[in-house]
Amino acid sequence: MEKKLKSITNCDSGIIIHSDRVLISFTWGNDEGLPMLSPMNIPMLTPLYEFGLIGTANVDDCLEVIPETDEAYISEEDFNDLKGQEGEVFTLKTNTGYTFKVLHPVTWR
C-alpha cells in the first residue's frame, strides 16, 4: 500500500474518478493523500488513506472513461482537451476498501 499517487502512477496530476461520479482534476505532485472534496466542496488532499493498484488500462480517447456527472471539478478547457486524447486509467483501492480511478492523459505531466 502507498500513500502517494505518484508512487503508483508515476504521474504528478490526473483526474480522480470517484465511485459516486465526482470528478476532480488535481495536481498531487509528490504529496501524500487522495484528492477528495472538503465539506465546503473544495478539492483537497486527504492523507488518511493508503491505496494499492488493482489494474491499469490504456485508452484511445480519455472522454470514453469519463462518466456523466453534475459534479466535475475540472476546467472547461481541460475537459474539452480530453477529446481524442490517449491516456492511462489506474484502478486503485484504499486500505478501507474504497475503489476509485485515476485518469492520466498522456499530455499531462
N, C-alpha and C. Protein backbone atom coordinates (compact mmCIF):
# COMPACT_ATOMS: atom_id res chain seq x y z
N MET A 1 0.84 -1.18 0.00
CA MET A 1 0.00 0.00 0.00
C MET A 1 0.89 1.25 0.00
N GLU A 2 0.43 2.25 -0.70
CA GLU A 2 1.16 3.51 -0.83
C GLU A 2 0.32 4.66 -0.30
N LYS A 3 0.96 5.78 0.02
CA LYS A 3 0.26 6.99 0.42
C LYS A 3 0.38 8.08 -0.64
N LYS A 4 1.21 7.84 -1.66
CA LYS A 4 1.43 8.83 -2.71
C LYS A 4 0.94 8.28 -4.05
N LEU A 5 0.07 9.03 -4.71
CA LEU A 5 -0.40 8.61 -6.03
C LEU A 5 0.76 8.53 -7.02
N LYS A 6 1.73 9.43 -6.87
CA LYS A 6 2.87 9.42 -7.79
C LYS A 6 3.65 8.11 -7.71
N SER A 7 3.70 7.49 -6.54
CA SER A 7 4.41 6.22 -6.38
C SER A 7 3.78 5.11 -7.23
N ILE A 8 2.48 5.20 -7.45
CA ILE A 8 1.78 4.18 -8.22
C ILE A 8 1.66 4.54 -9.69
N THR A 9 1.32 5.82 -9.95
CA THR A 9 1.03 6.24 -11.33
C THR A 9 2.24 6.78 -12.07
N ASN A 10 3.26 7.17 -11.34
CA ASN A 10 4.43 7.84 -11.91
C ASN A 10 4.03 9.14 -12.62
N CYS A 11 2.95 9.76 -12.14
CA CYS A 11 2.41 11.00 -12.71
C CYS A 11 2.24 12.02 -11.59
N ASP A 12 2.27 13.29 -11.96
CA ASP A 12 2.07 14.37 -11.00
C ASP A 12 0.63 14.86 -10.93
N SER A 13 -0.17 14.49 -11.94
CA SER A 13 -1.53 15.01 -12.00
C SER A 13 -2.43 14.05 -12.77
N GLY A 14 -3.72 14.29 -12.66
CA GLY A 14 -4.68 13.48 -13.37
C GLY A 14 -6.08 13.84 -12.95
N ILE A 15 -7.02 13.00 -13.33
CA ILE A 15 -8.41 13.20 -12.97
C ILE A 15 -8.84 12.02 -12.10
N ILE A 16 -9.26 12.33 -10.90
CA ILE A 16 -9.75 11.31 -9.99
C ILE A 16 -11.22 11.07 -10.31
N ILE A 17 -11.58 9.82 -10.53
CA ILE A 17 -12.97 9.47 -10.80
C ILE A 17 -13.45 8.65 -9.61
N HIS A 18 -14.22 9.32 -8.76
CA HIS A 18 -14.74 8.65 -7.57
C HIS A 18 -15.96 7.80 -7.95
N SER A 19 -16.25 6.81 -7.14
CA SER A 19 -17.35 5.88 -7.43
C SER A 19 -18.71 6.57 -7.45
N ASP A 20 -18.83 7.72 -6.80
CA ASP A 20 -20.10 8.45 -6.82
C ASP A 20 -20.16 9.45 -7.98
N ARG A 21 -19.29 9.24 -8.97
CA ARG A 21 -19.26 10.04 -10.20
C ARG A 21 -18.79 11.48 -9.99
N VAL A 22 -18.05 11.73 -8.93
CA VAL A 22 -17.44 13.04 -8.73
C VAL A 22 -16.08 13.01 -9.41
N LEU A 23 -15.83 14.00 -10.27
CA LEU A 23 -14.55 14.10 -10.98
C LEU A 23 -13.74 15.25 -10.39
N ILE A 24 -12.48 14.99 -10.12
CA ILE A 24 -11.61 16.03 -9.58
C ILE A 24 -10.31 16.04 -10.37
N SER A 25 -10.06 17.13 -11.09
CA SER A 25 -8.78 17.32 -11.75
C SER A 25 -7.83 17.87 -10.69
N PHE A 26 -6.65 17.24 -10.56
CA PHE A 26 -5.79 17.60 -9.43
C PHE A 26 -4.32 17.39 -9.78
N THR A 27 -3.49 18.25 -9.25
CA THR A 27 -2.04 18.07 -9.33
C THR A 27 -1.57 17.70 -7.93
N TRP A 28 -1.14 16.45 -7.76
CA TRP A 28 -0.73 15.97 -6.43
C TRP A 28 0.77 15.97 -6.27
N GLY A 29 1.51 16.02 -7.36
CA GLY A 29 2.97 16.04 -7.25
C GLY A 29 3.47 14.88 -6.42
N ASN A 30 4.29 15.16 -5.45
CA ASN A 30 4.87 14.13 -4.60
C ASN A 30 4.20 14.10 -3.22
N ASP A 31 3.03 14.75 -3.11
CA ASP A 31 2.33 14.83 -1.84
C ASP A 31 1.57 13.54 -1.54
N GLU A 32 1.35 13.29 -0.25
CA GLU A 32 0.57 12.13 0.18
C GLU A 32 -0.90 12.47 0.19
N GLY A 33 -1.73 11.50 -0.13
CA GLY A 33 -3.16 11.67 0.03
C GLY A 33 -3.98 11.38 -1.20
N LEU A 34 -5.28 11.32 -0.99
CA LEU A 34 -6.26 11.07 -2.03
C LEU A 34 -7.06 12.35 -2.25
N PRO A 35 -7.09 12.89 -3.47
CA PRO A 35 -7.91 14.08 -3.73
C PRO A 35 -9.39 13.78 -3.53
N MET A 36 -10.00 14.54 -2.64
CA MET A 36 -11.42 14.42 -2.33
C MET A 36 -11.97 15.82 -2.15
N LEU A 37 -13.27 15.93 -1.92
CA LEU A 37 -13.88 17.23 -1.68
C LEU A 37 -13.98 17.49 -0.18
N SER A 38 -13.66 18.73 0.20
CA SER A 38 -13.84 19.13 1.59
C SER A 38 -15.34 19.33 1.84
N PRO A 39 -15.75 19.51 3.08
CA PRO A 39 -17.17 19.78 3.36
C PRO A 39 -17.68 21.04 2.64
N MET A 40 -16.76 21.92 2.22
CA MET A 40 -17.15 23.13 1.51
C MET A 40 -17.00 22.95 -0.01
N ASN A 41 -16.91 21.69 -0.47
CA ASN A 41 -16.78 21.36 -1.89
C ASN A 41 -15.54 21.96 -2.55
N ILE A 42 -14.45 21.95 -1.82
CA ILE A 42 -13.17 22.40 -2.35
C ILE A 42 -12.27 21.18 -2.47
N PRO A 43 -11.72 20.91 -3.67
CA PRO A 43 -10.82 19.76 -3.82
C PRO A 43 -9.58 19.91 -2.92
N MET A 44 -9.24 18.84 -2.22
CA MET A 44 -8.09 18.84 -1.32
C MET A 44 -7.55 17.43 -1.18
N LEU A 45 -6.31 17.32 -0.74
CA LEU A 45 -5.72 16.01 -0.48
C LEU A 45 -6.12 15.55 0.91
N THR A 46 -6.55 14.31 1.01
CA THR A 46 -6.92 13.71 2.29
C THR A 46 -5.88 12.63 2.59
N PRO A 47 -4.96 12.89 3.52
CA PRO A 47 -3.85 11.96 3.77
C PRO A 47 -4.19 10.76 4.65
N LEU A 48 -5.47 10.49 4.86
CA LEU A 48 -5.87 9.41 5.76
C LEU A 48 -5.79 8.03 5.13
N TYR A 49 -5.62 7.98 3.81
CA TYR A 49 -5.72 6.70 3.11
C TYR A 49 -4.38 6.20 2.57
N GLU A 50 -4.29 4.90 2.51
CA GLU A 50 -3.25 4.24 1.73
C GLU A 50 -3.99 3.53 0.62
N PHE A 51 -3.34 3.32 -0.53
CA PHE A 51 -4.02 2.68 -1.64
C PHE A 51 -3.08 1.77 -2.39
N GLY A 52 -3.68 0.80 -3.05
CA GLY A 52 -2.93 -0.15 -3.86
C GLY A 52 -3.54 -0.24 -5.24
N LEU A 53 -2.73 -0.67 -6.19
CA LEU A 53 -3.14 -0.78 -7.58
C LEU A 53 -3.91 -2.07 -7.81
N ILE A 54 -5.08 -1.95 -8.43
CA ILE A 54 -5.86 -3.12 -8.84
C ILE A 54 -5.56 -3.46 -10.29
N GLY A 55 -5.50 -2.42 -11.15
CA GLY A 55 -5.23 -2.67 -12.56
C GLY A 55 -5.04 -1.38 -13.34
N THR A 56 -4.58 -1.52 -14.57
CA THR A 56 -4.39 -0.38 -15.46
C THR A 56 -4.96 -0.71 -16.83
N ALA A 57 -5.28 0.33 -17.58
CA ALA A 57 -5.77 0.16 -18.95
C ALA A 57 -5.40 1.39 -19.75
N ASN A 58 -5.02 1.19 -20.99
CA ASN A 58 -4.77 2.30 -21.90
C ASN A 58 -6.06 2.62 -22.63
N VAL A 59 -6.30 3.92 -22.87
CA VAL A 59 -7.49 4.35 -23.59
C VAL A 59 -7.07 5.23 -24.77
N ASP A 60 -7.83 5.12 -25.86
CA ASP A 60 -7.56 5.93 -27.05
C ASP A 60 -8.20 7.30 -26.96
N ASP A 61 -9.26 7.43 -26.18
CA ASP A 61 -9.97 8.70 -26.02
C ASP A 61 -10.36 8.84 -24.56
N CYS A 62 -9.72 9.77 -23.86
CA CYS A 62 -9.96 9.94 -22.43
C CYS A 62 -11.43 10.20 -22.09
N LEU A 63 -12.17 10.84 -22.99
CA LEU A 63 -13.58 11.12 -22.71
C LEU A 63 -14.41 9.85 -22.60
N GLU A 64 -13.92 8.75 -23.18
CA GLU A 64 -14.67 7.49 -23.11
C GLU A 64 -14.81 6.96 -21.68
N VAL A 65 -13.90 7.32 -20.80
CA VAL A 65 -13.94 6.80 -19.43
C VAL A 65 -14.52 7.79 -18.43
N ILE A 66 -14.86 8.99 -18.89
CA ILE A 66 -15.45 9.99 -18.01
C ILE A 66 -16.96 9.74 -17.92
N PRO A 67 -17.48 9.46 -16.71
CA PRO A 67 -18.93 9.23 -16.58
C PRO A 67 -19.70 10.56 -16.65
N GLU A 68 -20.96 10.48 -17.01
CA GLU A 68 -21.80 11.67 -16.95
C GLU A 68 -21.97 12.05 -15.48
N THR A 69 -21.84 13.34 -15.21
CA THR A 69 -21.92 13.80 -13.83
C THR A 69 -22.29 15.27 -13.78
N ASP A 70 -22.83 15.66 -12.65
CA ASP A 70 -23.09 17.08 -12.40
C ASP A 70 -22.03 17.66 -11.48
N GLU A 71 -21.12 16.80 -11.00
CA GLU A 71 -20.07 17.26 -10.09
C GLU A 71 -18.70 17.01 -10.70
N ALA A 72 -18.24 17.97 -11.49
CA ALA A 72 -16.94 17.87 -12.13
C ALA A 72 -16.10 19.08 -11.74
N TYR A 73 -15.00 18.83 -11.09
CA TYR A 73 -14.09 19.88 -10.66
C TYR A 73 -12.89 19.87 -11.60
N ILE A 74 -13.15 20.34 -12.83
CA ILE A 74 -12.17 20.39 -13.90
C ILE A 74 -12.53 21.58 -14.78
N SER A 75 -11.52 22.30 -15.25
CA SER A 75 -11.81 23.47 -16.08
C SER A 75 -12.43 23.02 -17.40
N GLU A 76 -13.23 23.87 -17.97
CA GLU A 76 -13.86 23.56 -19.26
C GLU A 76 -12.80 23.34 -20.33
N GLU A 77 -11.73 24.13 -20.29
CA GLU A 77 -10.64 23.98 -21.26
C GLU A 77 -9.97 22.62 -21.13
N ASP A 78 -9.65 22.20 -19.91
CA ASP A 78 -9.03 20.89 -19.71
C ASP A 78 -9.97 19.77 -20.14
N PHE A 79 -11.26 19.92 -19.82
CA PHE A 79 -12.23 18.90 -20.19
C PHE A 79 -12.32 18.77 -21.71
N ASN A 80 -12.40 19.88 -22.41
CA ASN A 80 -12.50 19.85 -23.87
C ASN A 80 -11.25 19.28 -24.52
N ASP A 81 -10.10 19.46 -23.89
CA ASP A 81 -8.84 18.93 -24.43
C ASP A 81 -8.74 17.41 -24.33
N LEU A 82 -9.62 16.78 -23.56
CA LEU A 82 -9.57 15.33 -23.38
C LEU A 82 -10.06 14.56 -24.60
N LYS A 83 -10.87 15.20 -25.42
CA LYS A 83 -11.46 14.50 -26.58
C LYS A 83 -10.37 14.04 -27.54
N GLY A 84 -10.38 12.74 -27.82
CA GLY A 84 -9.42 12.14 -28.74
C GLY A 84 -8.01 11.98 -28.18
N GLN A 85 -7.83 12.32 -26.91
CA GLN A 85 -6.50 12.22 -26.29
C GLN A 85 -6.31 10.85 -25.64
N GLU A 86 -5.17 10.24 -25.91
CA GLU A 86 -4.84 8.95 -25.29
C GLU A 86 -4.53 9.16 -23.81
N GLY A 87 -4.70 8.09 -23.07
CA GLY A 87 -4.39 8.17 -21.65
C GLY A 87 -4.29 6.80 -21.02
N GLU A 88 -4.07 6.81 -19.73
CA GLU A 88 -3.99 5.57 -18.96
C GLU A 88 -4.92 5.70 -17.77
N VAL A 89 -5.62 4.62 -17.48
CA VAL A 89 -6.54 4.58 -16.34
C VAL A 89 -5.97 3.62 -15.30
N PHE A 90 -5.85 4.09 -14.09
CA PHE A 90 -5.39 3.28 -12.96
C PHE A 90 -6.58 3.04 -12.05
N THR A 91 -6.85 1.80 -11.72
CA THR A 91 -7.90 1.48 -10.75
C THR A 91 -7.20 1.15 -9.44
N LEU A 92 -7.60 1.86 -8.39
CA LEU A 92 -6.96 1.70 -7.08
C LEU A 92 -7.99 1.41 -6.01
N LYS A 93 -7.50 0.85 -4.92
CA LYS A 93 -8.36 0.54 -3.78
C LYS A 93 -7.65 1.00 -2.51
N THR A 94 -8.41 1.66 -1.64
CA THR A 94 -7.82 2.16 -0.39
C THR A 94 -7.77 1.06 0.66
N ASN A 95 -7.07 1.34 1.74
CA ASN A 95 -6.97 0.41 2.86
C ASN A 95 -8.32 0.23 3.56
N THR A 96 -9.31 1.07 3.23
CA THR A 96 -10.65 0.92 3.80
C THR A 96 -11.60 0.22 2.83
N GLY A 97 -11.10 -0.18 1.64
CA GLY A 97 -11.93 -0.90 0.68
C GLY A 97 -12.58 -0.03 -0.38
N TYR A 98 -12.32 1.27 -0.36
CA TYR A 98 -12.92 2.20 -1.32
C TYR A 98 -12.16 2.11 -2.65
N THR A 99 -12.88 1.94 -3.76
CA THR A 99 -12.27 1.84 -5.08
C THR A 99 -12.50 3.12 -5.87
N PHE A 100 -11.46 3.59 -6.55
CA PHE A 100 -11.55 4.79 -7.38
C PHE A 100 -10.61 4.64 -8.56
N LYS A 101 -10.74 5.56 -9.52
CA LYS A 101 -9.88 5.52 -10.70
C LYS A 101 -9.12 6.82 -10.85
N VAL A 102 -7.95 6.72 -11.47
CA VAL A 102 -7.15 7.87 -11.84
C VAL A 102 -6.99 7.83 -13.34
N LEU A 103 -7.42 8.88 -14.02
CA LEU A 103 -7.24 9.01 -15.46
C LEU A 103 -6.08 9.95 -15.69
N HIS A 104 -5.08 9.49 -16.42
CA HIS A 104 -3.92 10.34 -16.72
C HIS A 104 -3.79 10.51 -18.23
N PRO A 105 -4.20 11.68 -18.77
CA PRO A 105 -4.00 11.95 -20.19
C PRO A 105 -2.51 12.02 -20.51
N VAL A 106 -2.10 11.52 -21.67
CA VAL A 106 -0.66 11.43 -21.98
C VAL A 106 0.02 12.78 -22.04
N THR A 107 -0.70 13.85 -22.35
CA THR A 107 -0.06 15.15 -22.45
C THR A 107 0.08 15.86 -21.11
N TRP A 108 -0.51 15.30 -20.05
CA TRP A 108 -0.34 15.87 -18.71
C TRP A 108 0.93 15.34 -18.10
N ARG A 109 1.50 16.07 -17.16
CA ARG A 109 2.74 15.60 -16.52
C ARG A 109 2.46 14.66 -15.38
